């Protein structure tokens, strides 16, 4: 049984090596990796086929949501990562691609000329019809409220 597992692993490794050997002539021409005590970092590499990639990240105070055991949400400041970077590569057909991106509290925002763009639709918004007529006015009733007759009043008690 163990021998079968080894043979299966060995065959899959040979298969992966054959795939990897397709790009054996591509080498790393430069590489950097910097990690800082404040949590920020940046790294990059370049290859002999002109492929490049660089990325940096910084820790930033953001508004976070915390849920208690009852599911009530409270908002508080938390530390989060903001990333930005770029990649450049040339396709086998010779087409050049550049991709840049940023990721922060607003989400992931990639940019590149090769990325699909949603079509822009021009809609003519419907306009509500205008009716030209005089609106009725509620009648105003003018009348006097009856006043209760005054009752005779006489002061009584000590001192009067």
C-alpha atoms as a PDB file:
ATOM      1  CA  UNK A   1       0.000   0.000   0.000  1.00  0.00           C
ATOM      2  CA  UNK A   2       2.784   2.451   0.925  1.00  0.00           C
ATOM      3  CA  UNK A   3       4.609   1.492  -2.257  1.00  0.00           C
ATOM      4  CA  UNK A   4       1.494   2.407  -4.307  1.00  0.00           C
ATOM      5  CA  UNK A   5       1.313   5.828  -2.615  1.00  0.00           C
ATOM      6  CA  UNK A   6       4.983   6.439  -3.361  1.00  0.00           C
ATOM      7  CA  UNK A   7       4.550   5.475  -7.021  1.00  0.00           C
ATOM      8  CA  UNK A   8       1.501   7.761  -7.334  1.00  0.00           C
ATOM      9  CA  UNK A   9       3.391  10.636  -5.687  1.00  0.00           C
ATOM     10  CA  UNK A  10       6.448   9.954  -7.825  1.00  0.00           C
ATOM     11  CA  UNK A  11       4.382   9.990 -11.053  1.00  0.00           C
ATOM     12  CA  UNK A  12       2.649  13.262 -10.131  1.00  0.00           C
ATOM     13  CA  UNK A  13       6.032  14.815  -9.295  1.00  0.00           C
ATOM     14  CA  UNK A  14       7.414  13.693 -12.659  1.00  0.00           C
ATOM     15  CA  UNK A  15       4.365  15.224 -14.372  1.00  0.00           C
ATOM     16  CA  UNK A  16       4.864  18.537 -12.532  1.00  0.00           C
ATOM     17  CA  UNK A  17       8.566  18.523 -13.395  1.00  0.00           C
ATOM     18  CA  UNK A  18       7.712  18.085 -17.071  1.00  0.00           C
ATOM     19  CA  UNK A  19       5.384  21.087 -16.876  1.00  0.00           C
ATOM     20  CA  UNK A  20       7.988  23.153 -15.026  1.00  0.00           C
ATOM     21  CA  UNK A  21      10.691  22.277 -17.538  1.00  0.00           C
ATOM     22  CA  UNK A  22       8.653  24.055 -20.220  1.00  0.00           C
ATOM     23  CA  UNK A  23       9.872  27.324 -18.624  1.00  0.00           C
ATOM     24  CA  UNK A  24      13.343  26.150 -17.594  1.00  0.00           C
ATOM     25  CA  UNK A  25      15.049  28.958 -19.563  1.00  0.00           C
ATOM     26  CA  UNK A  26      13.202  31.678 -17.553  1.00  0.00           C
ATOM     27  CA  UNK A  27      15.234  32.803 -14.557  1.00  0.00           C
ATOM     28  CA  UNK A  28      14.790  35.329 -11.757  1.00  0.00           C
ATOM     29  CA  UNK A  29      16.915  38.379 -12.579  1.00  0.00           C
ATOM     30  CA  UNK A  30      16.159  40.407  -9.452  1.00  0.00           C
ATOM     31  CA  UNK A  31      14.247  39.976  -6.252  1.00  0.00           C
ATOM     32  CA  UNK A  32      13.666  41.948  -3.048  1.00  0.00           C
ATOM     33  CA  UNK A  33      11.676  41.431   0.122  1.00  0.00           C
ATOM     34  CA  UNK A  34      11.524  43.940   2.962  1.00  0.00           C
ATOM     35  CA  UNK A  35       9.565  43.455   6.193  1.00  0.00           C
ATOM     36  CA  UNK A  36       9.362  46.355   8.666  1.00  0.00           C
ATOM     37  CA  UNK A  37       8.658  46.431  12.391  1.00  0.00           C
ATOM     38  CA  UNK A  38       5.606  48.691  11.876  1.00  0.00           C
ATOM     39  CA  UNK A  39       3.892  45.888   9.912  1.00  0.00           C
ATOM     40  CA  UNK A  40       4.533  47.348   6.465  1.00  0.00           C
ATOM     41  CA  UNK A  41       6.314  45.399   3.767  1.00  0.00           C
ATOM     42  CA  UNK A  42       7.268  45.472   0.122  1.00  0.00           C
ATOM     43  CA  UNK A  43       8.552  42.874  -2.253  1.00  0.00           C
ATOM     44  CA  UNK A  44       9.274  42.540  -5.950  1.00  0.00           C
ATOM     45  CA  UNK A  45      10.823  40.294  -8.541  1.00  0.00           C
ATOM     46  CA  UNK A  46      11.777  40.398 -12.205  1.00  0.00           C
ATOM     47  CA  UNK A  47      12.310  37.505 -14.569  1.00  0.00           C
ATOM     48  CA  UNK A  48      14.370  37.017 -17.693  1.00  0.00           C
ATOM     49  CA  UNK A  49      11.158  36.967 -19.793  1.00  0.00           C
ATOM     50  CA  UNK A  50      10.513  40.607 -18.677  1.00  0.00           C
ATOM     51  CA  UNK A  51       7.762  39.577 -16.252  1.00  0.00           C
ATOM     52  CA  UNK A  52       7.774  41.793 -13.173  1.00  0.00           C
ATOM     53  CA  UNK A  53       5.716  42.052 -10.040  1.00  0.00           C
ATOM     54  CA  UNK A  54       5.884  44.383  -7.084  1.00  0.00           C
ATOM     55  CA  UNK A  55       3.624  44.773  -4.113  1.00  0.00           C
ATOM     56  CA  UNK A  56       3.577  46.792  -0.920  1.00  0.00           C
ATOM     57  CA  UNK A  57       1.328  46.757   2.097  1.00  0.00           C
ATOM     58  CA  UNK A  58       0.863  49.106   4.997  1.00  0.00           C
ATOM     59  CA  UNK A  59      -1.113  48.663   8.182  1.00  0.00           C
ATOM     60  CA  UNK A  60      -3.785  51.296   8.629  1.00  0.00           C
ATOM     61  CA  UNK A  61      -6.379  52.127  11.258  1.00  0.00           C
ATOM     62  CA  UNK A  62      -9.822  51.332   9.811  1.00  0.00           C
ATOM     63  CA  UNK A  63     -13.402  51.142  11.012  1.00  0.00           C
ATOM     64  CA  UNK A  64     -14.153  47.535  11.952  1.00  0.00           C
ATOM     65  CA  UNK A  65     -17.281  45.714  13.037  1.00  0.00           C
ATOM     66  CA  UNK A  66     -17.328  43.535  16.138  1.00  0.00           C
ATOM     67  CA  UNK A  67     -20.284  41.301  17.031  1.00  0.00           C
ATOM     68  CA  UNK A  68     -21.119  40.344  20.590  1.00  0.00           C
ATOM     69  CA  UNK A  69     -22.644  37.003  21.606  1.00  0.00           C
ATOM     70  CA  UNK A  70     -26.140  38.380  20.885  1.00  0.00           C
ATOM     71  CA  UNK A  71     -25.220  39.454  17.363  1.00  0.00           C
ATOM     72  CA  UNK A  72     -25.202  43.161  18.137  1.00  0.00           C
ATOM     73  CA  UNK A  73     -22.705  45.048  15.985  1.00  0.00           C
ATOM     74  CA  UNK A  74     -20.397  47.655  17.418  1.00  0.00           C
ATOM     75  CA  UNK A  75     -18.030  49.748  15.315  1.00  0.00           C
ATOM     76  CA  UNK A  76     -14.507  50.359  16.490  1.00  0.00           C
ATOM     77  CA  UNK A  77     -11.077  51.188  15.129  1.00  0.00           C
ATOM     78  CA  UNK A  78      -9.059  48.138  14.064  1.00  0.00           C
ATOM     79  CA  UNK A  79      -5.747  47.708  12.274  1.00  0.00           C
ATOM     80  CA  UNK A  80      -6.048  46.459   8.710  1.00  0.00           C
ATOM     81  CA  UNK A  81      -3.841  46.084   5.666  1.00  0.00           C
ATOM     82  CA  UNK A  82      -3.860  48.213   2.539  1.00  0.00           C
ATOM     83  CA  UNK A  83      -2.110  46.688  -0.457  1.00  0.00           C
ATOM     84  CA  UNK A  84      -1.049  48.074  -3.794  1.00  0.00           C
ATOM     85  CA  UNK A  85       1.011  46.627  -6.544  1.00  0.00           C
ATOM     86  CA  UNK A  86       1.605  46.036 -10.213  1.00  0.00           C
ATOM     87  CA  UNK A  87       2.485  43.255 -12.614  1.00  0.00           C
ATOM     88  CA  UNK A  88       3.852  43.325 -16.136  1.00  0.00           C
ATOM     89  CA  UNK A  89       4.118  40.400 -18.527  1.00  0.00           C
ATOM     90  CA  UNK A  90       4.326  39.543 -22.206  1.00  0.00           C
ATOM     91  CA  UNK A  91       2.002  36.897 -23.617  1.00  0.00           C
ATOM     92  CA  UNK A  92       3.315  34.087 -25.852  1.00  0.00           C
ATOM     93  CA  UNK A  93       1.833  36.065 -28.757  1.00  0.00           C
ATOM     94  CA  UNK A  94       3.966  39.096 -27.834  1.00  0.00           C
ATOM     95  CA  UNK A  95       1.158  41.191 -26.358  1.00  0.00           C
ATOM     96  CA  UNK A  96       2.255  43.360 -23.409  1.00  0.00           C
ATOM     97  CA  UNK A  97       0.077  43.510 -20.282  1.00  0.00           C
ATOM     98  CA  UNK A  98       0.245  45.802 -17.261  1.00  0.00           C
ATOM     99  CA  UNK A  99      -1.986  45.331 -14.248  1.00  0.00           C
ATOM    100  CA  UNK A 100      -2.060  47.635 -11.244  1.00  0.00           C
ATOM    101  CA  UNK A 101      -4.244  47.264  -8.191  1.00  0.00           C
ATOM    102  CA  UNK A 102      -5.064  48.645  -4.801  1.00  0.00           C
ATOM    103  CA  UNK A 103      -6.901  46.931  -1.978  1.00  0.00           C
ATOM    104  CA  UNK A 104      -8.127  48.800   1.064  1.00  0.00           C
ATOM    105  CA  UNK A 105     -11.302  49.435   3.053  1.00  0.00           C
ATOM    106  CA  UNK A 106     -13.063  50.267  -0.229  1.00  0.00           C
ATOM    107  CA  UNK A 107     -12.275  46.830  -1.705  1.00  0.00           C
ATOM    108  CA  UNK A 108     -10.076  45.477  -4.501  1.00  0.00           C
ATOM    109  CA  UNK A 109      -9.584  47.906  -7.409  1.00  0.00           C
ATOM    110  CA  UNK A 110      -7.676  46.474 -10.397  1.00  0.00           C
ATOM    111  CA  UNK A 111      -6.724  48.603 -13.414  1.00  0.00           C
ATOM    112  CA  UNK A 112      -5.454  47.463 -16.780  1.00  0.00           C
ATOM    113  CA  UNK A 113      -6.176  48.085 -20.449  1.00  0.00           C
ATOM    114  CA  UNK A 114      -6.794  44.363 -20.959  1.00  0.00           C
ATOM    115  CA  UNK A 115      -9.545  44.143 -18.318  1.00  0.00           C
ATOM    116  CA  UNK A 116     -13.127  44.025 -19.570  1.00  0.00           C
ATOM    117  CA  UNK A 117     -15.207  47.143 -19.088  1.00  0.00           C
ATOM    118  CA  UNK A 118     -18.924  47.025 -18.415  1.00  0.00           C
ATOM    119  CA  UNK A 119     -20.937  48.507 -21.261  1.00  0.00           C
ATOM    120  CA  UNK A 120     -22.362  51.963 -20.759  1.00  0.00           C
ATOM    121  CA  UNK A 121     -26.078  52.130 -21.364  1.00  0.00           C
ATOM    122  CA  UNK A 122     -27.711  55.413 -22.192  1.00  0.00           C
ATOM    123  CA  UNK A 123     -31.231  55.338 -20.928  1.00  0.00           C
ATOM    124  CA  UNK A 124     -33.791  58.027 -21.438  1.00  0.00           C
ATOM    125  CA  UNK A 125     -35.563  58.300 -18.159  1.00  0.00           C
ATOM    126  CA  UNK A 126     -39.344  58.504 -18.333  1.00  0.00           C
ATOM    127  CA  UNK A 127     -40.838  61.842 -17.419  1.00  0.00           C
ATOM    128  CA  UNK A 128     -43.981  61.986 -15.332  1.00  0.00           C
ATOM    129  CA  UNK A 129     -46.887  63.617 -17.196  1.00  0.00           C
ATOM    130  CA  UNK A 130     -47.712  67.183 -16.242  1.00  0.00           C
ATOM    131  CA  UNK A 131     -51.387  67.876 -15.634  1.00  0.00           C
ATOM    132  CA  UNK A 132     -52.447  71.477 -15.878  1.00  0.00           C
ATOM    133  CA  UNK A 133     -55.540  71.996 -13.831  1.00  0.00           C
ATOM    134  CA  UNK A 134     -56.465  73.795 -10.661  1.00  0.00           C
ATOM    135  CA  UNK A 135     -56.505  71.641  -7.601  1.00  0.00           C
ATOM    136  CA  UNK A 136     -59.614  71.955  -5.435  1.00  0.00           C
ATOM    137  CA  UNK A 137     -59.234  73.872  -2.226  1.00  0.00           C
ATOM    138  CA  UNK A 138     -60.869  72.650   0.934  1.00  0.00           C
ATOM    139  CA  UNK A 139     -63.700  74.965   2.012  1.00  0.00           C
ATOM    140  CA  UNK A 140     -63.020  77.269   4.904  1.00  0.00           C
ATOM    141  CA  UNK A 141     -65.833  77.525   7.436  1.00  0.00           C
ATOM    142  CA  UNK A 142     -66.034  80.777   9.315  1.00  0.00           C
ATOM    143  CA  UNK A 143     -68.068  80.681  12.443  1.00  0.00           C
ATOM    144  CA  UNK A 144     -67.813  81.750  16.035  1.00  0.00           C
ATOM    145  CA  UNK A 145     -67.540  79.259  18.801  1.00  0.00           C
ATOM    146  CA  UNK A 146     -70.225  79.570  21.451  1.00  0.00           C
ATOM    147  CA  UNK A 147     -69.064  80.958  24.757  1.00  0.00           C
ATOM    148  CA  UNK A 148     -70.415  79.567  28.009  1.00  0.00           C
ATOM    149  CA  UNK A 149     -72.362  82.128  30.035  1.00  0.00           C
ATOM    150  CA  UNK A 150     -70.555  83.582  33.027  1.00  0.00           C
ATOM    151  CA  UNK A 151     -71.711  82.299  36.369  1.00  0.00           C
ATOM    152  CA  UNK A 152     -72.178  84.644  39.299  1.00  0.00           C
ATOM    153  CA  UNK A 153     -69.074  84.615  41.476  1.00  0.00           C
ATOM    154  CA  UNK A 154     -68.892  85.675  45.039  1.00  0.00           C
ATOM    155  CA  UNK A 155     -65.773  85.703  47.156  1.00  0.00           C
ATOM    156  CA  UNK A 156     -66.165  84.028  50.462  1.00  0.00           C
ATOM    157  CA  UNK A 157     -63.926  83.078  53.311  1.00  0.00           C
ATOM    158  CA  UNK A 158     -61.890  84.814  55.983  1.00  0.00           C
ATOM    159  CA  UNK A 159     -60.592  88.235  55.005  1.00  0.00           C
ATOM    160  CA  UNK A 160     -63.384  89.127  52.626  1.00  0.00           C
END
